[in-house]
């Protein structure tokens, strides 16, 4: 396998991980709200998860396009 092909596959994996983060957020946030320590900062936690998902998706797209 060539290095470009491996990088494209890695980009796809990053992109799918980002999509997975968006899929899991609604399932995980109610569990985090139960924890008393984090219940006051749920907005920051939600924002952080969404930023993480966006960064993974854009990083994956960038890697795929760069290694075409």
PDB file of N, CA and C in Angstrom:
ATOM      1  N   UNK A   1       0.835  -1.176   0.000  1.00  0.00           N
ATOM      2  CA  UNK A   1       0.000   0.000   0.000  1.00  0.00           C
ATOM      3  C   UNK A   1       0.881   1.241   0.000  1.00  0.00           C
ATOM      4  N   UNK A   2       0.516   2.198  -0.813  1.00  0.00           N
ATOM      5  CA  UNK A   2       1.310   3.417  -0.873  1.00  0.00           C
ATOM      6  C   UNK A   2       1.007   4.318   0.330  1.00  0.00           C
ATOM      7  N   UNK A   3       1.927   5.228   0.579  1.00  0.00           N
ATOM      8  CA  UNK A   3       1.772   6.138   1.713  1.00  0.00           C
ATOM      9  C   UNK A   3       0.549   7.043   1.535  1.00  0.00           C
ATOM     10  N   UNK A   4       0.276   7.459   0.284  1.00  0.00           N
ATOM     11  CA  UNK A   4      -0.893   8.314   0.040  1.00  0.00           C
ATOM     12  C   UNK A   4      -2.182   7.575   0.354  1.00  0.00           C
ATOM     13  N   UNK A   5      -2.242   6.293  -0.015  1.00  0.00           N
ATOM     14  CA  UNK A   5      -3.448   5.505   0.239  1.00  0.00           C
ATOM     15  C   UNK A   5      -3.680   5.348   1.747  1.00  0.00           C
ATOM     16  N   UNK A   6      -2.600   5.116   2.482  1.00  0.00           N
ATOM     17  CA  UNK A   6      -2.715   4.986   3.940  1.00  0.00           C
ATOM     18  C   UNK A   6      -3.196   6.305   4.549  1.00  0.00           C
ATOM     19  N   UNK A   7      -2.674   7.426   4.048  1.00  0.00           N
ATOM     20  CA  UNK A   7      -3.092   8.738   4.549  1.00  0.00           C
ATOM     21  C   UNK A   7      -4.560   9.009   4.225  1.00  0.00           C
ATOM     22  N   UNK A   8      -5.021   8.571   3.063  1.00  0.00           N
ATOM     23  CA  UNK A   8      -6.438   8.748   2.714  1.00  0.00           C
ATOM     24  C   UNK A   8      -7.325   7.917   3.637  1.00  0.00           C
ATOM     25  N   UNK A   9      -6.897   6.703   3.931  1.00  0.00           N
ATOM     26  CA  UNK A   9      -7.665   5.850   4.847  1.00  0.00           C
ATOM     27  C   UNK A   9      -7.689   6.472   6.240  1.00  0.00           C
ATOM     28  N   UNK A  10      -6.547   7.005   6.682  1.00  0.00           N
ATOM     29  CA  UNK A  10      -6.484   7.661   7.986  1.00  0.00           C
ATOM     30  C   UNK A  10      -7.414   8.879   8.014  1.00  0.00           C
ATOM     31  N   UNK A  11      -7.461   9.640   6.922  1.00  0.00           N
ATOM     32  CA  UNK A  11      -8.367  10.773   6.831  1.00  0.00           C
ATOM     33  C   UNK A  11      -9.818  10.339   6.936  1.00  0.00           C
ATOM     34  N   UNK A  12     -10.150   9.228   6.298  1.00  0.00           N
ATOM     35  CA  UNK A  12     -11.513   8.693   6.376  1.00  0.00           C
ATOM     36  C   UNK A  12     -11.849   8.277   7.805  1.00  0.00           C
ATOM     37  N   UNK A  13     -10.883   7.658   8.482  1.00  0.00           N
ATOM     38  CA  UNK A  13     -11.093   7.245   9.872  1.00  0.00           C
ATOM     39  C   UNK A  13     -11.326   8.471  10.761  1.00  0.00           C
ATOM     40  N   UNK A  14     -10.539   9.527  10.555  1.00  0.00           N
ATOM     41  CA  UNK A  14     -10.738  10.762  11.325  1.00  0.00           C
ATOM     42  C   UNK A  14     -12.131  11.341  11.090  1.00  0.00           C
ATOM     43  N   UNK A  15     -12.530  11.372   9.830  1.00  0.00           N
ATOM     44  CA  UNK A  15     -13.836  11.924   9.491  1.00  0.00           C
ATOM     45  C   UNK A  15     -14.958  11.101  10.135  1.00  0.00           C
ATOM     46  N   UNK A  16     -14.844   9.781  10.080  1.00  0.00           N
ATOM     47  CA  UNK A  16     -15.861   8.929  10.697  1.00  0.00           C
ATOM     48  C   UNK A  16     -15.877   9.077  12.220  1.00  0.00           C
ATOM     49  N   UNK A  17     -14.717   9.294  12.816  1.00  0.00           N
ATOM     50  CA  UNK A  17     -14.664   9.526  14.265  1.00  0.00           C
ATOM     51  C   UNK A  17     -15.392  10.817  14.625  1.00  0.00           C
ATOM     52  N   UNK A  18     -15.228  11.853  13.806  1.00  0.00           N
ATOM     53  CA  UNK A  18     -15.936  13.117  14.033  1.00  0.00           C
ATOM     54  C   UNK A  18     -17.441  12.951  13.933  1.00  0.00           C
ATOM     55  N   UNK A  19     -17.871  12.194  12.936  1.00  0.00           N
ATOM     56  CA  UNK A  19     -19.304  11.924  12.779  1.00  0.00           C
ATOM     57  C   UNK A  19     -19.810  11.120  13.981  1.00  0.00           C
ATOM     58  N   UNK A  20     -18.982  10.183  14.453  1.00  0.00           N
ATOM     59  CA  UNK A  20     -19.346   9.393  15.630  1.00  0.00           C
ATOM     60  C   UNK A  20     -19.509  10.244  16.872  1.00  0.00           C
ATOM     61  N   UNK A  21     -18.680  11.280  17.003  1.00  0.00           N
ATOM     62  CA  UNK A  21     -18.807  12.193  18.145  1.00  0.00           C
ATOM     63  C   UNK A  21     -20.167  12.887  18.100  1.00  0.00           C
ATOM     64  N   UNK A  22     -20.564  13.368  16.913  1.00  0.00           N
ATOM     65  CA  UNK A  22     -21.874  14.019  16.796  1.00  0.00           C
ATOM     66  C   UNK A  22     -23.008  13.050  17.103  1.00  0.00           C
ATOM     67  N   UNK A  23     -22.831  11.785  16.741  1.00  0.00           N
ATOM     68  CA  UNK A  23     -23.858  10.780  17.003  1.00  0.00           C
ATOM     69  C   UNK A  23     -23.976  10.478  18.502  1.00  0.00           C
ATOM     70  N   UNK A  24     -22.847  10.477  19.206  1.00  0.00           N
ATOM     71  CA  UNK A  24     -22.835  10.092  20.620  1.00  0.00           C
ATOM     72  C   UNK A  24     -23.194  11.216  21.590  1.00  0.00           C
ATOM     73  N   UNK A  25     -23.058  12.469  21.189  1.00  0.00           N
ATOM     74  CA  UNK A  25     -23.302  13.584  22.109  1.00  0.00           C
ATOM     75  C   UNK A  25     -24.681  13.502  22.772  1.00  0.00           C
ATOM     76  N   UNK A  26     -25.766  13.319  22.018  1.00  0.00           N
ATOM     77  CA  UNK A  26     -27.082  13.268  22.684  1.00  0.00           C
ATOM     78  C   UNK A  26     -27.226  12.088  23.658  1.00  0.00           C
ATOM     79  N   UNK A  27     -26.445  11.037  23.462  1.00  0.00           N
ATOM     80  CA  UNK A  27     -26.542   9.884  24.354  1.00  0.00           C
ATOM     81  C   UNK A  27     -25.695  10.061  25.612  1.00  0.00           C
ATOM     82  N   UNK A  28     -24.613  10.814  25.512  1.00  0.00           N
ATOM     83  CA  UNK A  28     -23.674  10.938  26.619  1.00  0.00           C
ATOM     84  C   UNK A  28     -24.011  12.115  27.540  1.00  0.00           C
ATOM     85  N   UNK A  29     -24.525  13.195  27.000  1.00  0.00           N
ATOM     86  CA  UNK A  29     -24.795  14.400  27.797  1.00  0.00           C
ATOM     87  C   UNK A  29     -25.732  14.121  28.984  1.00  0.00           C
ATOM     88  N   UNK A  30     -26.826  13.368  28.815  1.00  0.00           N
ATOM     89  CA  UNK A  30     -27.662  13.088  30.000  1.00  0.00           C
ATOM     90  C   UNK A  30     -26.913  12.332  31.098  1.00  0.00           C
ATOM     91  N   UNK A  31     -25.980  11.463  30.716  1.00  0.00           N
ATOM     92  CA  UNK A  31     -25.193  10.744  31.721  1.00  0.00           C
ATOM     93  C   UNK A  31     -24.229  11.683  32.430  1.00  0.00           C
ATOM     94  N   UNK A  32     -23.698  12.661  31.710  1.00  0.00           N
ATOM     95  CA  UNK A  32     -22.781  13.628  32.322  1.00  0.00           C
ATOM     96  C   UNK A  32     -23.545  14.560  33.263  1.00  0.00           C
ATOM     97  N   UNK A  33     -24.797  14.909  32.920  1.00  0.00           N
ATOM     98  CA  UNK A  33     -25.608  15.789  33.768  1.00  0.00           C
ATOM     99  C   UNK A  33     -25.844  15.184  35.151  1.00  0.00           C
ATOM    100  N   UNK A  34     -25.842  13.863  35.229  1.00  0.00           N
ATOM    101  CA  UNK A  34     -26.083  13.185  36.501  1.00  0.00           C
ATOM    102  C   UNK A  34     -24.930  13.444  37.478  1.00  0.00           C
ATOM    103  N   UNK A  35     -23.719  13.562  36.948  1.00  0.00           N
ATOM    104  CA  UNK A  35     -22.549  13.790  37.794  1.00  0.00           C
ATOM    105  C   UNK A  35     -22.613  15.219  38.337  1.00  0.00           C
ATOM    106  N   UNK A  36     -22.663  15.342  39.633  1.00  0.00           N
ATOM    107  CA  UNK A  36     -22.886  16.635  40.274  1.00  0.00           C
ATOM    108  C   UNK A  36     -21.788  17.646  39.946  1.00  0.00           C
ATOM    109  N   UNK A  37     -20.573  17.196  39.840  1.00  0.00           N
ATOM    110  CA  UNK A  37     -19.444  18.087  39.577  1.00  0.00           C
ATOM    111  C   UNK A  37     -19.571  18.772  38.213  1.00  0.00           C
ATOM    112  N   UNK A  38     -20.082  18.045  37.222  1.00  0.00           N
ATOM    113  CA  UNK A  38     -20.150  18.569  35.860  1.00  0.00           C
ATOM    114  C   UNK A  38     -21.495  19.182  35.494  1.00  0.00           C
ATOM    115  N   UNK A  39     -22.486  19.066  36.366  1.00  0.00           N
ATOM    116  CA  UNK A  39     -23.832  19.530  36.013  1.00  0.00           C
ATOM    117  C   UNK A  39     -23.902  21.043  35.798  1.00  0.00           C
ATOM    118  N   UNK A  40     -23.033  21.798  36.462  1.00  0.00           N
ATOM    119  CA  UNK A  40     -23.051  23.255  36.307  1.00  0.00           C
ATOM    120  C   UNK A  40     -22.367  23.721  35.032  1.00  0.00           C
ATOM    121  N   UNK A  41     -21.499  22.914  34.474  1.00  0.00           N
ATOM    122  CA  UNK A  41     -20.723  23.322  33.294  1.00  0.00           C
ATOM    123  C   UNK A  41     -21.108  22.526  32.056  1.00  0.00           C
ATOM    124  N   UNK A  42     -22.341  22.099  31.969  1.00  0.00           N
ATOM    125  CA  UNK A  42     -22.771  21.246  30.856  1.00  0.00           C
ATOM    126  C   UNK A  42     -22.675  21.976  29.515  1.00  0.00           C
ATOM    127  N   UNK A  43     -22.868  23.276  29.496  1.00  0.00           N
ATOM    128  CA  UNK A  43     -22.756  24.046  28.253  1.00  0.00           C
ATOM    129  C   UNK A  43     -21.341  24.029  27.705  1.00  0.00           C
ATOM    130  N   UNK A  44     -20.373  24.175  28.587  1.00  0.00           N
ATOM    131  CA  UNK A  44     -18.970  24.145  28.167  1.00  0.00           C
ATOM    132  C   UNK A  44     -18.596  22.750  27.665  1.00  0.00           C
ATOM    133  N   UNK A  45     -19.093  21.742  28.338  1.00  0.00           N
ATOM    134  CA  UNK A  45     -18.793  20.370  27.940  1.00  0.00           C
ATOM    135  C   UNK A  45     -19.401  20.066  26.576  1.00  0.00           C
ATOM    136  N   UNK A  46     -20.638  20.473  26.371  1.00  0.00           N
ATOM    137  CA  UNK A  46     -21.305  20.267  25.086  1.00  0.00           C
ATOM    138  C   UNK A  46     -20.552  20.993  23.967  1.00  0.00           C
ATOM    139  N   UNK A  47     -20.188  22.243  24.215  1.00  0.00           N
ATOM    140  CA  UNK A  47     -19.429  23.029  23.240  1.00  0.00           C
ATOM    141  C   UNK A  47     -18.113  22.338  22.890  1.00  0.00           C
ATOM    142  N   UNK A  48     -17.434  21.821  23.898  1.00  0.00           N
ATOM    143  CA  UNK A  48     -16.156  21.137  23.679  1.00  0.00           C
ATOM    144  C   UNK A  48     -16.326  19.899  22.811  1.00  0.00           C
ATOM    145  N   UNK A  49     -17.367  19.124  23.069  1.00  0.00           N
ATOM    146  CA  UNK A  49     -17.623  17.938  22.247  1.00  0.00           C
ATOM    147  C   UNK A  49     -17.902  18.325  20.794  1.00  0.00           C
ATOM    148  N   UNK A  50     -18.718  19.354  20.583  1.00  0.00           N
ATOM    149  CA  UNK A  50     -19.022  19.767  19.217  1.00  0.00           C
ATOM    150  C   UNK A  50     -17.782  20.295  18.495  1.00  0.00           C
ATOM    151  N   UNK A  51     -16.942  21.046  19.191  1.00  0.00           N
ATOM    152  CA  UNK A  51     -15.697  21.530  18.581  1.00  0.00           C
ATOM    153  C   UNK A  51     -14.797  20.350  18.220  1.00  0.00           C
ATOM    154  N   UNK A  52     -14.704  19.373  19.112  1.00  0.00           N
ATOM    155  CA  UNK A  52     -13.912  18.182  18.835  1.00  0.00           C
ATOM    156  C   UNK A  52     -14.413  17.471  17.580  1.00  0.00           C
ATOM    157  N   UNK A  53     -15.732  17.309  17.460  1.00  0.00           N
ATOM    158  CA  UNK A  53     -16.307  16.659  16.286  1.00  0.00           C
ATOM    159  C   UNK A  53     -16.002  17.417  15.007  1.00  0.00           C
ATOM    160  N   UNK A  54     -16.146  18.744  15.045  1.00  0.00           N
ATOM    161  CA  UNK A  54     -15.874  19.566  13.862  1.00  0.00           C
ATOM    162  C   UNK A  54     -14.402  19.467  13.470  1.00  0.00           C
ATOM    163  N   UNK A  55     -13.513  19.532  14.454  1.00  0.00           N
ATOM    164  CA  UNK A  55     -12.079  19.435  14.159  1.00  0.00           C
ATOM    165  C   UNK A  55     -11.714  18.082  13.548  1.00  0.00           C
ATOM    166  N   UNK A  56     -12.300  17.014  14.055  1.00  0.00           N
ATOM    167  CA  UNK A  56     -12.028  15.699  13.489  1.00  0.00           C
ATOM    168  C   UNK A  56     -12.525  15.590  12.051  1.00  0.00           C
ATOM    169  N   UNK A  57     -13.719  16.092  11.789  1.00  0.00           N
ATOM    170  CA  UNK A  57     -14.277  16.018  10.437  1.00  0.00           C
ATOM    171  C   UNK A  57     -13.441  16.847   9.469  1.00  0.00           C
ATOM    172  N   UNK A  58     -13.150  18.098   9.823  1.00  0.00           N
ATOM    173  CA  UNK A  58     -12.367  18.943   8.920  1.00  0.00           C
ATOM    174  C   UNK A  58     -10.933  18.439   8.760  1.00  0.00           C
ATOM    175  N   UNK A  59     -10.357  17.903   9.823  1.00  0.00           N
ATOM    176  CA  UNK A  59      -9.018  17.325   9.717  1.00  0.00           C
ATOM    177  C   UNK A  59      -8.993  16.126   8.784  1.00  0.00           C
ATOM    178  N   UNK A  60     -10.013  15.293   8.866  1.00  0.00           N
ATOM    179  CA  UNK A  60     -10.112  14.139   7.974  1.00  0.00           C
ATOM    180  C   UNK A  60     -10.297  14.558   6.526  1.00  0.00           C
ATOM    181  N   UNK A  61     -11.165  15.537   6.295  1.00  0.00           N
ATOM    182  CA  UNK A  61     -11.389  16.034   4.926  1.00  0.00           C
ATOM    183  C   UNK A  61     -10.105  16.633   4.373  1.00  0.00           C
ATOM    184  N   UNK A  62      -9.424  17.393   5.198  1.00  0.00           N
ATOM    185  CA  UNK A  62      -8.167  18.023   4.765  1.00  0.00           C
ATOM    186  C   UNK A  62      -7.120  16.976   4.389  1.00  0.00           C
ATOM    187  N   UNK A  63      -7.018  15.931   5.193  1.00  0.00           N
ATOM    188  CA  UNK A  63      -6.048  14.871   4.932  1.00  0.00           C
ATOM    189  C   UNK A  63      -6.407  14.113   3.658  1.00  0.00           C
ATOM    190  N   UNK A  64      -7.686  13.860   3.435  1.00  0.00           N
ATOM    191  CA  UNK A  64      -8.113  13.166   2.216  1.00  0.00           C
ATOM    192  C   UNK A  64      -7.796  14.003   0.979  1.00  0.00           C
ATOM    193  N   UNK A  65      -8.141  15.291   1.027  1.00  0.00           N
ATOM    194  CA  UNK A  65      -7.923  16.155  -0.129  1.00  0.00           C
ATOM    195  C   UNK A  65      -6.428  16.413  -0.387  1.00  0.00           C
ATOM    196  N   UNK A  66      -5.641  16.475   0.669  1.00  0.00           N
ATOM    197  CA  UNK A  66      -4.212  16.732   0.519  1.00  0.00           C
ATOM    198  C   UNK A  66      -3.494  15.527  -0.113  1.00  0.00           C
ATOM    199  N   UNK A  67      -3.996  14.331   0.095  1.00  0.00           N
ATOM    200  CA  UNK A  67      -3.332  13.126  -0.387  1.00  0.00           C
ATOM    201  C   UNK A  67      -4.020  12.494  -1.580  1.00  0.00           C
ATOM    202  N   UNK A  68      -4.699  13.279  -2.374  1.00  0.00           N
ATOM    203  CA  UNK A  68      -5.324  12.753  -3.590  1.00  0.00           C
ATOM    204  C   UNK A  68      -4.321  12.520  -4.650  1.00  0.00           C
TER     205      UNK A  68
END
